[in-house]
C-alpha cells in the first residue's frame, strides 16, 4: 500500500504501544496486523471505513481460517489504531463463531447431503465449486461470467496478471448453464449482488443454511477445501498434485504447477462427480 505518511502513522502506533507498556514484540505484531489490513484494502489509512474492517475480518475467517486468539489480537490492533489513536469511533464489534477445524473433513455422503440441502441454485453452485476446485473463497466469489468456459469445462481465477486455471466438474456445469439462463441482469460476476459480487459473510450464510438443513453442524469453506483434498488423497492422486493444490492458499503459489495439477484432475476425474 503506497502512502507517503504511512510510516509516520505506523510509527505513531508503535510509539503509543510502547508508551502504554506493550513489549517490542507485541508492538511489532500490532504494527504488522495494521499494515496487512491496509495492503488488503489498498487504501490510505486516512480513508478507512468501518465496512473495510468488516470485510477484512470476513476475509480472514473465510480464506485464512485464523484461530480465535489471533483473530482477537487483530481486532484489538485495529481498534487500538483507528479508535484509540485516530478516534474514528468505529465500534468494531465482531464475535463470530470460530472453530478449530483441526483434521476435520467430510466424506462423500456428507457432501452429497450438503449439496442436496442447497435449495437455491446459486448456493448449490458455490458449494460445488468450493468442494471441487480447492479455490479460496475470495477467488471463487470474485469469478466473473466471462471466466467460466463451460464448453471446454474450464474456469479461470484471476489475481492481478496471474491466471489460475481450474477444471469445471461435470456435475456443476448443468447448474451453471441453468443459472445463467435465468439471469436477467448485466452484472459481470457469477455470484452477483447489486453491482458487485456476494461477500464472504453472505457466502458463509449460504453454507450455514445448507449445513443446518443437512444436520451436519457448523461447516466453513476451508473445511470444504480440506475435504476436497482428503477425497483426492483417498482416490489415490499423487502427492505432487495434492501439494500443488495445497499451495493455493499461499501468496507465492506457483501458478504453472497449480495449473498442471488441475489438468491432471480434469483428465482423471473430479471426486465430486463420483458422489
Protein backbone atom coordinates (compact mmCIF):
# COMPACT_ATOMS: atom_id res chain seq x y z
CA UNK A 1 0.00 0.00 0.00
CA UNK A 2 1.51 3.29 -1.10
CA UNK A 3 1.09 6.20 1.29
CA UNK A 4 3.66 8.92 1.91
CA UNK A 5 2.62 9.26 5.55
CA UNK A 6 2.08 5.57 6.27
CA UNK A 7 5.43 5.16 8.00
CA UNK A 8 4.83 8.11 10.32
CA UNK A 9 1.32 6.89 11.17
CA UNK A 10 2.55 3.39 11.97
CA UNK A 11 5.48 4.76 13.97
CA UNK A 12 2.93 6.70 16.00
CA UNK A 13 1.12 3.42 16.61
CA UNK A 14 4.31 1.72 17.79
CA UNK A 15 5.20 4.67 20.00
CA UNK A 16 1.76 4.62 21.66
CA UNK A 17 2.02 0.89 22.30
CA UNK A 18 5.46 1.26 23.85
CA UNK A 19 4.25 4.20 25.94
CA UNK A 20 1.45 2.05 27.35
CA UNK A 21 3.80 -0.71 28.37
CA UNK A 22 3.48 -3.17 25.50
CA UNK A 23 6.60 -5.13 24.64
CA UNK A 24 8.55 -4.50 21.47
CA UNK A 25 7.39 -7.88 20.16
CA UNK A 26 3.72 -7.04 20.78
CA UNK A 27 4.15 -3.64 19.16
CA UNK A 28 5.64 -5.24 16.07
CA UNK A 29 2.76 -7.71 15.83
CA UNK A 30 0.13 -4.94 16.05
CA UNK A 31 2.10 -2.91 13.52
CA UNK A 32 2.13 -5.93 11.19
CA UNK A 33 -1.63 -6.52 11.57
CA UNK A 34 -2.40 -2.91 10.64
CA UNK A 35 -0.11 -2.85 7.61
CA UNK A 36 -1.54 -6.19 6.40
CA UNK A 37 -5.03 -4.70 6.65
CA UNK A 38 -4.03 -1.67 4.57
CA UNK A 39 -2.40 -3.91 1.97
CA UNK A 40 -5.66 -5.87 1.72
CA UNK A 41 -7.96 -2.87 1.19
CA UNK A 42 -5.44 -0.89 -0.91
CA UNK A 43 -6.39 2.39 0.74
CA UNK A 44 -4.70 5.07 2.76
CA UNK A 45 -5.38 4.81 6.49
CA UNK A 46 -7.00 8.26 6.16
CA UNK A 47 -9.91 6.86 4.12
CA UNK A 48 -10.60 3.64 6.02
CA UNK A 49 -14.28 2.98 6.73
CA UNK A 50 -15.88 0.60 9.20
CA UNK A 51 -17.04 -1.56 6.28
CA UNK A 52 -13.41 -2.01 5.17
CA UNK A 53 -12.56 -3.52 8.54
CA UNK A 54 -15.62 -5.78 8.50
CA UNK A 55 -14.74 -7.03 5.01
CA UNK A 56 -11.18 -7.74 6.11
CA UNK A 57 -12.34 -9.71 9.15
CA UNK A 58 -14.73 -11.71 6.95
CA UNK A 59 -11.83 -12.45 4.61
CA UNK A 60 -9.62 -13.67 7.46
CA UNK A 61 -12.28 -16.10 8.62
CA UNK A 62 -13.26 -17.39 5.19
CA UNK A 63 -9.86 -17.62 3.49
CA UNK A 64 -7.36 -17.86 6.31
CA UNK A 65 -9.38 -19.70 8.96
CA UNK A 66 -7.48 -17.95 11.77
CA UNK A 67 -7.53 -19.09 15.38
CA UNK A 68 -9.72 -17.26 17.88
CA UNK A 69 -6.64 -15.92 19.71
CA UNK A 70 -5.07 -14.43 16.60
CA UNK A 71 -8.42 -13.07 15.44
CA UNK A 72 -8.93 -11.24 18.74
CA UNK A 73 -5.41 -9.82 18.54
CA UNK A 74 -6.06 -8.48 15.04
CA UNK A 75 -9.31 -6.87 16.16
CA UNK A 76 -7.53 -5.29 19.13
CA UNK A 77 -4.74 -3.90 16.97
CA UNK A 78 -7.21 -2.33 14.51
CA UNK A 79 -9.31 -0.97 17.36
CA UNK A 80 -6.24 0.47 19.02
CA UNK A 81 -5.14 2.36 15.91
CA UNK A 82 -8.44 3.54 14.44
CA UNK A 83 -10.36 4.16 17.65
CA UNK A 84 -7.65 4.64 20.27
CA UNK A 85 -5.30 6.83 18.22
CA UNK A 86 -7.32 8.20 15.29
CA UNK A 87 -10.59 8.49 17.31
CA UNK A 88 -12.73 7.09 14.48
CA UNK A 89 -15.37 5.62 16.83
CA UNK A 90 -15.94 2.68 14.51
CA UNK A 91 -17.41 0.43 17.24
CA UNK A 92 -15.75 -2.69 15.91
CA UNK A 93 -17.74 -5.48 17.49
CA UNK A 94 -17.16 -8.79 15.86
CA UNK A 95 -17.75 -12.05 17.66
CA UNK A 96 -18.32 -14.80 15.09
CA UNK A 97 -18.23 -18.46 15.97
CA UNK A 98 -14.66 -19.59 15.36
CA UNK A 99 -13.92 -23.28 15.31
CA UNK A 100 -10.61 -25.10 15.25
CA UNK A 101 -11.04 -27.21 12.14
CA UNK A 102 -8.09 -29.43 13.05
CA UNK A 103 -8.22 -32.55 10.85
CA UNK A 104 -11.98 -32.33 10.34
CA UNK A 105 -13.15 -33.26 6.86
CA UNK A 106 -16.38 -34.51 5.32
CA UNK A 107 -16.81 -37.65 3.24
CA UNK A 108 -18.77 -38.16 0.04
CA UNK A 109 -22.04 -38.96 1.77
CA UNK A 110 -21.94 -35.77 3.86
CA UNK A 111 -21.05 -33.66 0.83
CA UNK A 112 -23.94 -35.25 -1.09
CA UNK A 113 -26.31 -34.32 1.76
CA UNK A 114 -24.93 -30.77 1.81
CA UNK A 115 -25.45 -30.32 -1.93
CA UNK A 116 -28.95 -31.81 -1.83
CA UNK A 117 -29.82 -29.44 1.04
CA UNK A 118 -28.90 -26.40 -1.08
CA UNK A 119 -32.28 -25.11 -2.21
CA UNK A 120 -31.03 -22.14 -4.24
CA UNK A 121 -29.15 -22.96 -7.42
CA UNK A 122 -26.58 -20.21 -6.76
CA UNK A 123 -25.98 -21.65 -3.29
CA UNK A 124 -25.50 -25.10 -4.81
CA UNK A 125 -23.03 -23.84 -7.43
CA UNK A 126 -20.94 -22.07 -4.80
CA UNK A 127 -20.72 -25.18 -2.62
CA UNK A 128 -19.91 -27.41 -5.60
CA UNK A 129 -17.17 -25.09 -6.84
CA UNK A 130 -15.62 -24.76 -3.40
CA UNK A 131 -15.56 -28.53 -2.93
CA UNK A 132 -14.37 -29.39 -6.44
CA UNK A 133 -11.69 -26.77 -7.16
CA UNK A 134 -9.71 -26.02 -4.00
CA UNK A 135 -10.06 -22.29 -4.71
CA UNK A 136 -10.02 -19.79 -1.89
CA UNK A 137 -13.42 -18.29 -1.14
CA UNK A 138 -12.29 -14.82 -2.21
CA UNK A 139 -11.22 -16.24 -5.59
CA UNK A 140 -14.47 -18.14 -6.05
CA UNK A 141 -16.88 -15.30 -5.28
CA UNK A 142 -14.81 -12.96 -7.48
CA UNK A 143 -15.30 -15.13 -10.56
CA UNK A 144 -16.90 -13.37 -13.49
CA UNK A 145 -19.22 -14.99 -16.01
CA UNK A 146 -16.51 -14.44 -18.63
CA UNK A 147 -14.14 -16.55 -16.50
CA UNK A 148 -16.33 -19.63 -16.97
CA UNK A 149 -15.91 -21.70 -20.15
CA UNK A 150 -18.49 -24.48 -19.94
CA UNK A 151 -17.70 -25.62 -23.49
CA UNK A 152 -14.15 -26.56 -22.54
CA UNK A 153 -15.09 -27.35 -18.92
CA UNK A 154 -12.64 -24.80 -17.56
CA UNK A 155 -12.64 -21.81 -15.24
CA UNK A 156 -10.08 -19.05 -14.76
CA UNK A 157 -9.45 -17.40 -11.38
CA UNK A 158 -7.56 -14.16 -11.87
CA UNK A 159 -5.22 -12.49 -9.41
CA UNK A 160 -3.68 -9.42 -11.00
CA UNK A 161 -1.81 -10.60 -14.09
CA UNK A 162 -1.76 -14.20 -12.92
CA UNK A 163 -4.44 -16.63 -14.04
CA UNK A 164 -5.23 -19.85 -12.22
CA UNK A 165 -6.90 -22.39 -14.50
CA UNK A 166 -9.19 -24.95 -12.88
CA UNK A 167 -11.43 -27.72 -14.24
CA UNK A 168 -15.21 -27.48 -14.05
CA UNK A 169 -16.63 -30.70 -12.66
CA UNK A 170 -19.21 -32.44 -14.86
CA UNK A 171 -21.86 -32.15 -12.14
CA UNK A 172 -21.58 -28.36 -11.76
CA UNK A 173 -21.84 -27.46 -15.46
CA UNK A 174 -25.63 -28.07 -15.87
CA UNK A 175 -26.30 -25.94 -12.77
CA UNK A 176 -24.19 -23.08 -14.14
CA UNK A 177 -25.95 -23.20 -17.52
CA UNK A 178 -29.40 -23.23 -15.90
CA UNK A 179 -28.46 -20.44 -13.50
CA UNK A 180 -27.05 -18.17 -16.21
CA UNK A 181 -30.12 -18.76 -18.40
CA UNK A 182 -32.29 -17.32 -15.61
CA UNK A 183 -30.12 -14.24 -15.06
CA UNK A 184 -31.71 -11.04 -16.40
CA UNK A 185 -29.14 -8.53 -15.08
CA UNK A 186 -25.92 -7.21 -16.61
CA UNK A 187 -23.76 -7.78 -13.53
CA UNK A 188 -20.50 -9.38 -14.78
CA UNK A 189 -19.97 -11.51 -11.64
CA UNK A 190 -21.06 -15.13 -11.45
CA UNK A 191 -22.19 -14.67 -7.84
CA UNK A 192 -23.80 -11.28 -8.30
CA UNK A 193 -25.01 -8.95 -5.60
CA UNK A 194 -26.21 -5.47 -6.56
CA UNK A 195 -23.31 -4.02 -8.62
CA UNK A 196 -20.63 -6.36 -7.33
CA UNK A 197 -20.33 -9.93 -6.01
CA UNK A 198 -21.55 -11.55 -2.81
CA UNK A 199 -19.42 -11.05 0.30
CA UNK A 200 -17.66 -13.76 2.34
CA UNK A 201 -20.27 -13.20 5.05
CA UNK A 202 -23.17 -13.82 2.63
CA UNK A 203 -21.36 -16.89 1.32
CA UNK A 204 -21.00 -18.34 4.80
CA UNK A 205 -24.70 -17.70 5.42
CA UNK A 206 -25.48 -19.81 2.32
CA UNK A 207 -23.30 -22.61 3.69
CA UNK A 208 -24.85 -22.33 7.17
CA UNK A 209 -28.37 -22.75 5.75
CA UNK A 210 -27.42 -25.87 3.79
CA UNK A 211 -25.36 -27.45 6.59
CA UNK A 212 -28.14 -26.89 9.13
CA UNK A 213 -30.71 -28.48 6.83
CA UNK A 214 -28.36 -31.44 6.25
CA UNK A 215 -27.78 -31.79 10.03
CA UNK A 216 -24.01 -31.57 9.59
CA UNK A 217 -23.25 -28.89 12.17
CA UNK A 218 -21.02 -25.89 11.52
CA UNK A 219 -19.03 -26.06 8.28
CA UNK A 220 -16.60 -23.45 6.98
CA UNK A 221 -15.25 -23.06 3.46
CA UNK A 222 -11.70 -24.02 4.50
CA UNK A 223 -13.18 -27.31 5.77
CA UNK A 224 -14.77 -27.85 2.34
CA UNK A 225 -11.35 -27.29 0.76
CA UNK A 226 -9.75 -29.74 3.20
CA UNK A 227 -12.49 -32.26 2.36
CA UNK A 228 -11.72 -31.88 -1.36
CA UNK A 229 -8.04 -32.63 -0.71
CA UNK A 230 -8.97 -35.58 1.51
CA UNK A 231 -11.09 -37.03 -1.30
CA UNK A 232 -8.23 -36.62 -3.78
CA UNK A 233 -5.92 -38.40 -1.36
CA UNK A 234 -8.44 -41.20 -0.86
CA UNK A 235 -8.78 -41.57 -4.63
CA UNK A 236 -5.02 -42.14 -4.89
CA UNK A 237 -3.95 -38.89 -6.55
CA UNK A 238 -0.19 -38.46 -6.39
CA UNK A 239 1.44 -36.23 -3.77
CA UNK A 240 2.63 -33.75 -6.40
CA UNK A 241 -0.98 -32.94 -7.31
CA UNK A 242 -2.03 -32.63 -3.67
CA UNK A 243 0.93 -30.42 -2.71
CA UNK A 244 0.37 -28.12 -5.69
CA UNK A 245 -3.28 -27.58 -4.76
CA UNK A 246 -2.39 -27.04 -1.09
CA UNK A 247 -0.23 -24.10 -2.23
CA UNK A 248 -3.41 -22.35 -3.41
CA UNK A 249 -3.67 -20.63 -0.02
CA UNK A 250 -0.21 -19.10 -0.24
CA UNK A 251 0.69 -15.79 -1.86
CA UNK A 252 3.74 -17.28 -3.59
CA UNK A 253 1.78 -20.06 -5.31
CA UNK A 254 3.50 -21.21 -8.48
CA UNK A 255 0.68 -20.93 -10.95
CA UNK A 256 2.24 -23.25 -13.55
CA UNK A 257 2.43 -26.08 -11.00
CA UNK A 258 -1.17 -25.47 -9.91
CA UNK A 259 -2.44 -25.39 -13.49
CA UNK A 260 -0.64 -28.69 -14.17
CA UNK A 261 -2.26 -30.23 -11.07
CA UNK A 262 -5.72 -29.15 -12.19
CA UNK A 263 -5.06 -30.53 -15.67
CA UNK A 264 -4.36 -33.89 -14.00
CA UNK A 265 -7.73 -33.71 -12.22
CA UNK A 266 -9.50 -32.72 -15.43
CA UNK A 267 -8.16 -35.80 -17.20
CA UNK A 268 -8.62 -38.37 -14.43
CA UNK A 269 -11.84 -37.08 -12.88
CA UNK A 270 -13.07 -34.93 -10.02
CA UNK A 271 -14.23 -36.53 -6.72
CA UNK A 272 -17.48 -34.55 -6.76
CA UNK A 273 -18.53 -36.31 -9.98
CA UNK A 274 -18.45 -39.67 -8.18
CA UNK A 275 -20.74 -38.68 -5.30
